[in-house]
Amino acid sequence: MNLQESQFVSVRVPAEAEFVDIVRLTLYGIASKWGFSYEEIEDMKVAVAEACNNAVLHAYEGMEKGFVEVKFEMNDGGIRITVKDEGSSFDYAHKEAKAESLHNKDLSEINAGGLGIFMMQALMDDVEVHTNAGTEVILTKFLQRNEELA
């Protein structure tokens, strides 16, 4: 597929756990159509589900449930997936600095919560987190072309 300009699909779902599967299914359809491998798609599904689950669990805590908007944007370089909520934000810089100190700790000393960003970073090529108004997580996966198939 030769994409001259960026193409995108956007989906907006209630910030409730049962709607995360809709986002995962949408990602599967889009990423397979745009040429990603099964393994790449599975990695992206895990990373996107983690970002959505964070919004479901934390964004609207103590307030009326809102929505999660997910935008899938494709260009010649790959896919950029933006997961955005309008709930309460967190101090990402503080959390990231605290998480860096986990490297010298035993696994039993690490709290399972808060490792989602590390998992997203391991599965995706680039991860950005913006916490100005709500939380916006931008996940990027570059399209790896198999030259033998081209």
N, C-alpha and C. Protein backbone atom coordinates (compact mmCIF):
# COMPACT_ATOMS: atom_id res chain seq x y z
N MET A 1 0.85 -1.19 0.00
CA MET A 1 0.00 0.00 0.00
C MET A 1 0.89 1.23 0.00
N ASN A 2 0.71 2.08 -0.94
CA ASN A 2 1.47 3.31 -1.03
C ASN A 2 0.60 4.45 -0.52
N LEU A 3 0.97 4.98 0.61
CA LEU A 3 0.18 6.05 1.22
C LEU A 3 0.88 7.38 0.97
N GLN A 4 0.27 8.21 0.19
CA GLN A 4 0.85 9.51 -0.12
C GLN A 4 0.68 10.49 1.04
N GLU A 5 -0.40 10.34 1.76
CA GLU A 5 -0.65 11.22 2.89
C GLU A 5 -1.17 10.38 4.04
N SER A 6 -1.19 10.96 5.19
CA SER A 6 -1.63 10.26 6.38
C SER A 6 -3.11 9.88 6.27
N GLN A 7 -3.43 8.67 6.71
CA GLN A 7 -4.81 8.21 6.78
C GLN A 7 -5.11 7.91 8.24
N PHE A 8 -6.36 8.13 8.67
CA PHE A 8 -6.66 7.80 10.06
C PHE A 8 -8.08 7.31 10.24
N VAL A 9 -8.24 6.59 11.33
CA VAL A 9 -9.54 6.11 11.79
C VAL A 9 -9.60 6.46 13.27
N SER A 10 -10.74 6.92 13.72
CA SER A 10 -10.90 7.30 15.12
C SER A 10 -12.12 6.59 15.70
N VAL A 11 -12.00 6.15 16.94
CA VAL A 11 -13.11 5.51 17.63
C VAL A 11 -13.19 6.10 19.05
N ARG A 12 -14.40 6.34 19.50
CA ARG A 12 -14.62 6.91 20.83
C ARG A 12 -15.54 5.95 21.57
N VAL A 13 -15.05 5.44 22.72
CA VAL A 13 -15.81 4.45 23.48
C VAL A 13 -15.94 4.91 24.93
N PRO A 14 -16.98 4.45 25.63
CA PRO A 14 -17.07 4.74 27.06
C PRO A 14 -15.86 4.17 27.79
N ALA A 15 -15.42 4.85 28.82
CA ALA A 15 -14.26 4.41 29.61
C ALA A 15 -14.69 3.29 30.56
N GLU A 16 -15.04 2.17 29.98
CA GLU A 16 -15.47 0.99 30.72
C GLU A 16 -14.77 -0.23 30.14
N ALA A 17 -14.42 -1.18 30.99
CA ALA A 17 -13.61 -2.33 30.60
C ALA A 17 -14.18 -3.10 29.42
N GLU A 18 -15.49 -3.26 29.36
CA GLU A 18 -16.08 -4.07 28.29
C GLU A 18 -15.91 -3.46 26.90
N PHE A 19 -15.50 -2.20 26.81
CA PHE A 19 -15.33 -1.56 25.51
C PHE A 19 -13.89 -1.62 25.00
N VAL A 20 -12.96 -2.09 25.83
CA VAL A 20 -11.56 -2.18 25.40
C VAL A 20 -11.42 -3.18 24.25
N ASP A 21 -12.22 -4.24 24.27
CA ASP A 21 -12.16 -5.23 23.18
C ASP A 21 -12.53 -4.61 21.83
N ILE A 22 -13.42 -3.64 21.83
CA ILE A 22 -13.78 -2.97 20.58
C ILE A 22 -12.56 -2.25 20.00
N VAL A 23 -11.79 -1.63 20.86
CA VAL A 23 -10.58 -0.93 20.42
C VAL A 23 -9.57 -1.96 19.88
N ARG A 24 -9.40 -3.08 20.58
CA ARG A 24 -8.46 -4.12 20.14
C ARG A 24 -8.88 -4.69 18.78
N LEU A 25 -10.16 -4.95 18.60
CA LEU A 25 -10.65 -5.47 17.32
C LEU A 25 -10.48 -4.46 16.19
N THR A 26 -10.72 -3.20 16.49
CA THR A 26 -10.53 -2.14 15.50
C THR A 26 -9.06 -2.08 15.09
N LEU A 27 -8.17 -2.12 16.08
CA LEU A 27 -6.74 -2.12 15.80
C LEU A 27 -6.36 -3.30 14.92
N TYR A 28 -6.87 -4.47 15.24
CA TYR A 28 -6.55 -5.66 14.44
C TYR A 28 -6.94 -5.46 12.97
N GLY A 29 -8.15 -4.99 12.74
CA GLY A 29 -8.62 -4.78 11.38
C GLY A 29 -7.79 -3.76 10.63
N ILE A 30 -7.49 -2.65 11.28
CA ILE A 30 -6.73 -1.58 10.64
C ILE A 30 -5.29 -2.01 10.37
N ALA A 31 -4.64 -2.56 11.38
CA ALA A 31 -3.22 -2.92 11.25
C ALA A 31 -3.01 -4.05 10.24
N SER A 32 -3.93 -5.00 10.18
CA SER A 32 -3.77 -6.07 9.19
C SER A 32 -3.98 -5.52 7.78
N LYS A 33 -4.93 -4.61 7.62
CA LYS A 33 -5.17 -3.99 6.31
C LYS A 33 -3.96 -3.17 5.87
N TRP A 34 -3.27 -2.55 6.82
CA TRP A 34 -2.14 -1.69 6.50
C TRP A 34 -0.81 -2.46 6.42
N GLY A 35 -0.85 -3.79 6.54
CA GLY A 35 0.34 -4.59 6.26
C GLY A 35 1.22 -5.00 7.43
N PHE A 36 0.75 -4.87 8.65
CA PHE A 36 1.54 -5.31 9.80
C PHE A 36 1.43 -6.82 9.97
N SER A 37 2.49 -7.42 10.51
CA SER A 37 2.50 -8.87 10.73
C SER A 37 1.64 -9.21 11.95
N TYR A 38 1.30 -10.48 12.05
CA TYR A 38 0.51 -10.97 13.18
C TYR A 38 1.21 -10.64 14.51
N GLU A 39 2.51 -10.86 14.58
CA GLU A 39 3.27 -10.60 15.82
C GLU A 39 3.25 -9.12 16.18
N GLU A 40 3.43 -8.26 15.17
CA GLU A 40 3.40 -6.82 15.42
C GLU A 40 2.02 -6.39 15.92
N ILE A 41 0.98 -6.95 15.32
CA ILE A 41 -0.38 -6.62 15.72
C ILE A 41 -0.65 -7.06 17.15
N GLU A 42 -0.21 -8.25 17.50
CA GLU A 42 -0.40 -8.73 18.88
C GLU A 42 0.30 -7.83 19.88
N ASP A 43 1.53 -7.40 19.57
CA ASP A 43 2.24 -6.46 20.45
C ASP A 43 1.47 -5.15 20.59
N MET A 44 0.98 -4.64 19.47
CA MET A 44 0.22 -3.38 19.50
C MET A 44 -1.06 -3.54 20.30
N LYS A 45 -1.74 -4.67 20.15
CA LYS A 45 -2.98 -4.90 20.89
C LYS A 45 -2.74 -4.87 22.40
N VAL A 46 -1.65 -5.47 22.85
CA VAL A 46 -1.33 -5.47 24.28
C VAL A 46 -1.04 -4.04 24.76
N ALA A 47 -0.23 -3.30 23.99
CA ALA A 47 0.12 -1.93 24.38
C ALA A 47 -1.10 -1.02 24.41
N VAL A 48 -1.94 -1.11 23.39
CA VAL A 48 -3.14 -0.27 23.33
C VAL A 48 -4.13 -0.64 24.43
N ALA A 49 -4.28 -1.93 24.69
CA ALA A 49 -5.17 -2.36 25.77
C ALA A 49 -4.68 -1.83 27.11
N GLU A 50 -3.38 -1.82 27.31
CA GLU A 50 -2.81 -1.28 28.56
C GLU A 50 -3.12 0.21 28.69
N ALA A 51 -2.95 0.96 27.62
CA ALA A 51 -3.25 2.40 27.66
C ALA A 51 -4.74 2.62 27.93
N CYS A 52 -5.60 1.84 27.28
CA CYS A 52 -7.05 1.97 27.49
C CYS A 52 -7.43 1.56 28.91
N ASN A 53 -6.85 0.48 29.39
CA ASN A 53 -7.15 0.02 30.76
C ASN A 53 -6.74 1.06 31.79
N ASN A 54 -5.62 1.74 31.57
CA ASN A 54 -5.22 2.81 32.48
C ASN A 54 -6.27 3.90 32.52
N ALA A 55 -6.82 4.26 31.36
CA ALA A 55 -7.87 5.27 31.32
C ALA A 55 -9.12 4.78 32.04
N VAL A 56 -9.49 3.52 31.81
CA VAL A 56 -10.68 2.94 32.45
C VAL A 56 -10.52 2.93 33.97
N LEU A 57 -9.36 2.53 34.45
CA LEU A 57 -9.14 2.37 35.89
C LEU A 57 -8.86 3.67 36.63
N HIS A 58 -8.16 4.60 35.98
CA HIS A 58 -7.65 5.75 36.72
C HIS A 58 -8.18 7.12 36.30
N ALA A 59 -8.51 7.29 35.04
CA ALA A 59 -8.82 8.63 34.54
C ALA A 59 -10.03 9.26 35.20
N TYR A 60 -11.07 8.48 35.40
CA TYR A 60 -12.32 9.05 35.90
C TYR A 60 -12.62 8.58 37.33
N GLU A 61 -11.58 8.21 38.05
CA GLU A 61 -11.73 7.76 39.42
C GLU A 61 -12.33 8.87 40.29
N GLY A 62 -13.42 8.55 40.94
CA GLY A 62 -14.08 9.53 41.80
C GLY A 62 -14.91 10.55 41.05
N MET A 63 -15.12 10.35 39.77
CA MET A 63 -15.94 11.27 38.98
C MET A 63 -16.80 10.46 38.02
N GLU A 64 -17.72 11.12 37.37
CA GLU A 64 -18.58 10.44 36.40
C GLU A 64 -17.73 9.89 35.26
N LYS A 65 -18.03 8.66 34.88
CA LYS A 65 -17.26 8.02 33.80
C LYS A 65 -17.38 8.82 32.51
N GLY A 66 -16.27 8.90 31.81
CA GLY A 66 -16.24 9.62 30.55
C GLY A 66 -15.94 8.68 29.40
N PHE A 67 -15.15 9.17 28.47
CA PHE A 67 -14.87 8.43 27.25
C PHE A 67 -13.37 8.31 27.03
N VAL A 68 -13.01 7.36 26.20
CA VAL A 68 -11.64 7.20 25.72
C VAL A 68 -11.71 7.32 24.20
N GLU A 69 -10.90 8.20 23.66
CA GLU A 69 -10.84 8.35 22.20
C GLU A 69 -9.53 7.75 21.72
N VAL A 70 -9.63 6.90 20.71
CA VAL A 70 -8.45 6.24 20.15
C VAL A 70 -8.39 6.58 18.67
N LYS A 71 -7.24 7.11 18.26
CA LYS A 71 -7.04 7.50 16.86
C LYS A 71 -5.91 6.65 16.29
N PHE A 72 -6.18 5.99 15.18
CA PHE A 72 -5.20 5.18 14.48
C PHE A 72 -4.80 5.96 13.22
N GLU A 73 -3.55 6.37 13.15
CA GLU A 73 -3.09 7.18 12.03
C GLU A 73 -1.95 6.47 11.31
N MET A 74 -2.12 6.28 10.01
CA MET A 74 -1.13 5.56 9.22
C MET A 74 -0.47 6.49 8.23
N ASN A 75 0.84 6.36 8.10
CA ASN A 75 1.58 7.05 7.05
C ASN A 75 2.63 6.08 6.53
N ASP A 76 3.48 6.51 5.62
CA ASP A 76 4.45 5.59 5.03
C ASP A 76 5.39 4.96 6.06
N GLY A 77 5.60 5.63 7.17
CA GLY A 77 6.54 5.12 8.17
C GLY A 77 5.97 4.10 9.13
N GLY A 78 4.68 4.13 9.36
CA GLY A 78 4.09 3.21 10.32
C GLY A 78 2.75 3.71 10.83
N ILE A 79 2.40 3.22 12.01
CA ILE A 79 1.12 3.57 12.60
C ILE A 79 1.37 4.33 13.91
N ARG A 80 0.56 5.34 14.11
CA ARG A 80 0.60 6.14 15.34
C ARG A 80 -0.77 6.01 15.97
N ILE A 81 -0.80 5.50 17.20
CA ILE A 81 -2.05 5.26 17.90
C ILE A 81 -2.11 6.19 19.11
N THR A 82 -3.13 7.03 19.14
CA THR A 82 -3.29 7.98 20.23
C THR A 82 -4.47 7.55 21.09
N VAL A 83 -4.22 7.37 22.39
CA VAL A 83 -5.27 7.01 23.35
C VAL A 83 -5.42 8.20 24.28
N LYS A 84 -6.59 8.81 24.26
CA LYS A 84 -6.80 10.06 25.01
C LYS A 84 -8.05 9.98 25.87
N ASP A 85 -7.91 10.44 27.11
CA ASP A 85 -9.07 10.59 27.99
C ASP A 85 -9.10 12.03 28.48
N GLU A 86 -10.23 12.41 29.07
CA GLU A 86 -10.37 13.77 29.58
C GLU A 86 -10.55 13.77 31.09
N GLY A 87 -10.09 12.70 31.72
CA GLY A 87 -10.20 12.57 33.17
C GLY A 87 -9.05 13.25 33.88
N SER A 88 -8.83 12.84 35.11
CA SER A 88 -7.75 13.42 35.90
C SER A 88 -6.41 12.89 35.40
N SER A 89 -5.41 13.75 35.40
CA SER A 89 -4.08 13.39 34.94
C SER A 89 -3.23 12.94 36.12
N PHE A 90 -2.01 12.57 35.83
CA PHE A 90 -1.05 12.22 36.87
C PHE A 90 0.27 12.87 36.53
N ASP A 91 1.19 12.88 37.48
CA ASP A 91 2.49 13.50 37.26
C ASP A 91 3.40 12.48 36.58
N TYR A 92 3.38 12.48 35.26
CA TYR A 92 4.14 11.48 34.50
C TYR A 92 5.64 11.61 34.75
N ALA A 93 6.17 12.82 34.80
CA ALA A 93 7.61 13.02 35.01
C ALA A 93 8.04 12.42 36.34
N HIS A 94 7.24 12.62 37.39
CA HIS A 94 7.55 12.06 38.71
C HIS A 94 7.47 10.54 38.68
N LYS A 95 6.44 10.01 38.05
CA LYS A 95 6.26 8.56 37.97
C LYS A 95 7.39 7.92 37.18
N GLU A 96 7.82 8.56 36.08
CA GLU A 96 8.89 8.03 35.25
C GLU A 96 10.21 8.02 36.03
N ALA A 97 10.49 9.10 36.78
CA ALA A 97 11.72 9.16 37.57
C ALA A 97 11.72 8.09 38.66
N LYS A 98 10.58 7.89 39.29
CA LYS A 98 10.45 6.87 40.32
C LYS A 98 10.64 5.47 39.73
N ALA A 99 10.10 5.24 38.54
CA ALA A 99 10.18 3.93 37.89
C ALA A 99 11.61 3.60 37.48
N GLU A 100 12.43 4.61 37.12
CA GLU A 100 13.81 4.35 36.76
C GLU A 100 14.57 3.71 37.89
N SER A 101 14.18 3.97 39.13
CA SER A 101 14.87 3.42 40.27
C SER A 101 14.55 1.95 40.50
N LEU A 102 13.69 1.36 39.67
CA LEU A 102 13.33 -0.05 39.81
C LEU A 102 14.41 -0.98 39.26
N HIS A 103 15.34 -0.48 38.48
CA HIS A 103 16.30 -1.33 37.80
C HIS A 103 17.15 -2.16 38.75
N ASN A 104 17.45 -1.67 39.92
CA ASN A 104 18.31 -2.40 40.85
C ASN A 104 17.54 -3.16 41.92
N LYS A 105 16.25 -3.32 41.73
CA LYS A 105 15.42 -3.98 42.73
C LYS A 105 15.10 -5.41 42.32
N ASP A 106 14.85 -6.22 43.32
CA ASP A 106 14.41 -7.58 43.10
C ASP A 106 12.95 -7.55 42.65
N LEU A 107 12.55 -8.52 41.85
CA LEU A 107 11.19 -8.56 41.33
C LEU A 107 10.15 -8.54 42.44
N SER A 108 10.44 -9.16 43.57
CA SER A 108 9.48 -9.19 44.68
C SER A 108 9.28 -7.83 45.32
N GLU A 109 10.20 -6.90 45.08
CA GLU A 109 10.10 -5.55 45.65
C GLU A 109 9.31 -4.58 44.77
N ILE A 110 8.95 -5.02 43.58
CA ILE A 110 8.31 -4.13 42.61
C ILE A 110 6.80 -4.30 42.66
N ASN A 111 6.10 -3.17 42.77
CA ASN A 111 4.65 -3.16 42.73
C ASN A 111 4.21 -3.34 41.28
N ALA A 112 3.27 -4.25 41.03
CA ALA A 112 2.83 -4.53 39.66
C ALA A 112 2.22 -3.30 39.00
N GLY A 113 1.54 -2.45 39.74
CA GLY A 113 0.96 -1.25 39.18
C GLY A 113 2.05 -0.29 38.74
N GLY A 114 1.83 0.39 37.65
CA GLY A 114 2.80 1.37 37.20
C GLY A 114 3.82 0.84 36.21
N LEU A 115 3.77 -0.44 35.91
CA LEU A 115 4.71 -1.02 34.95
C LEU A 115 4.16 -0.98 33.53
N GLY A 116 2.95 -0.49 33.37
CA GLY A 116 2.32 -0.45 32.05
C GLY A 116 3.10 0.35 31.03
N ILE A 117 3.67 1.48 31.44
CA ILE A 117 4.44 2.31 30.52
C ILE A 117 5.66 1.53 30.03
N PHE A 118 6.33 0.81 30.94
CA PHE A 118 7.49 0.01 30.54
C PHE A 118 7.08 -1.06 29.53
N MET A 119 5.94 -1.68 29.76
CA MET A 119 5.47 -2.71 28.84
C MET A 119 5.17 -2.08 27.47
N MET A 120 4.51 -0.93 27.47
CA MET A 120 4.22 -0.25 26.21
C MET A 120 5.52 0.09 25.48
N GLN A 121 6.52 0.56 26.22
CA GLN A 121 7.80 0.91 25.61
C GLN A 121 8.50 -0.32 25.04
N ALA A 122 8.34 -1.46 25.69
CA ALA A 122 8.98 -2.69 25.20
C ALA A 122 8.30 -3.20 23.93
N LEU A 123 6.99 -2.96 23.80
CA LEU A 123 6.24 -3.51 22.67
C LEU A 123 6.15 -2.58 21.47
N MET A 124 6.33 -1.30 21.70
CA MET A 124 6.18 -0.30 20.63
C MET A 124 7.54 0.32 20.31
N ASP A 125 7.63 1.00 19.18
CA ASP A 125 8.88 1.66 18.79
C ASP A 125 9.05 3.01 19.47
N ASP A 126 7.95 3.65 19.82
CA ASP A 126 8.02 4.94 20.51
C ASP A 126 6.77 5.12 21.35
N VAL A 127 6.93 5.70 22.54
CA VAL A 127 5.80 5.98 23.43
C VAL A 127 5.97 7.39 23.98
N GLU A 128 4.92 8.18 23.85
CA GLU A 128 4.89 9.53 24.42
C GLU A 128 3.69 9.60 25.36
N VAL A 129 3.85 10.32 26.46
CA VAL A 129 2.75 10.52 27.39
C VAL A 129 2.63 12.01 27.66
N HIS A 130 1.42 12.54 27.47
CA HIS A 130 1.14 13.95 27.74
C HIS A 130 0.03 14.00 28.78
N THR A 131 0.23 14.81 29.82
CA THR A 131 -0.74 14.86 30.91
C THR A 131 -1.22 16.27 31.20
N ASN A 132 -1.41 17.07 30.16
CA ASN A 132 -1.86 18.45 30.35
C ASN A 132 -3.34 18.50 30.70
N ALA A 133 -4.21 18.07 29.81
CA ALA A 133 -5.65 18.05 30.04
C ALA A 133 -6.08 16.61 29.84
N GLY A 134 -6.29 15.89 30.90
CA GLY A 134 -6.51 14.46 30.79
C GLY A 134 -5.17 13.80 30.53
N THR A 135 -5.20 12.62 29.97
CA THR A 135 -3.97 11.91 29.63
C THR A 135 -4.03 11.47 28.17
N GLU A 136 -2.94 11.67 27.48
CA GLU A 136 -2.83 11.26 26.09
C GLU A 136 -1.57 10.41 25.95
N VAL A 137 -1.75 9.18 25.49
CA VAL A 137 -0.64 8.27 25.26
C VAL A 137 -0.54 8.07 23.75
N ILE A 138 0.64 8.31 23.21
CA ILE A 138 0.86 8.16 21.77
C ILE A 138 1.84 7.00 21.56
N LEU A 139 1.35 5.97 20.89
CA LEU A 139 2.11 4.75 20.64
C LEU A 139 2.44 4.67 19.16
N THR A 140 3.70 4.46 18.82
CA THR A 140 4.11 4.38 17.43
C THR A 140 4.77 3.04 17.15
N LYS A 141 4.37 2.44 16.04
CA LYS A 141 5.00 1.20 15.55
C LYS A 141 5.35 1.43 14.09
N PHE A 142 6.64 1.26 13.77
CA PHE A 142 7.08 1.46 12.39
C PHE A 142 6.80 0.20 11.58
N LEU A 143 6.40 0.40 10.36
CA LEU A 143 6.09 -0.71 9.47
C LEU A 143 7.40 -1.30 8.95
N GLN A 144 7.60 -2.57 9.23
CA GLN A 144 8.80 -3.28 8.77
C GLN A 144 8.46 -3.98 7.47
N ARG A 145 8.96 -3.49 6.39
CA ARG A 145 8.69 -4.08 5.08
C ARG A 145 9.64 -5.25 4.85
N ASN A 146 9.11 -6.35 4.38
CA ASN A 146 9.92 -7.49 4.00
C ASN A 146 10.31 -7.28 2.55
N GLU A 147 11.59 -7.01 2.32
CA GLU A 147 12.07 -6.68 0.97
C GLU A 147 11.87 -7.83 -0.02
N GLU A 148 11.83 -9.08 0.48
CA GLU A 148 11.62 -10.22 -0.40
C GLU A 148 10.22 -10.20 -0.99
N LEU A 149 9.26 -9.62 -0.26
CA LEU A 149 7.88 -9.60 -0.72
C LEU A 149 7.57 -8.38 -1.57
N ALA A 150 8.44 -7.39 -1.53
CA ALA A 150 8.17 -6.13 -2.24
C ALA A 150 8.32 -6.28 -3.73
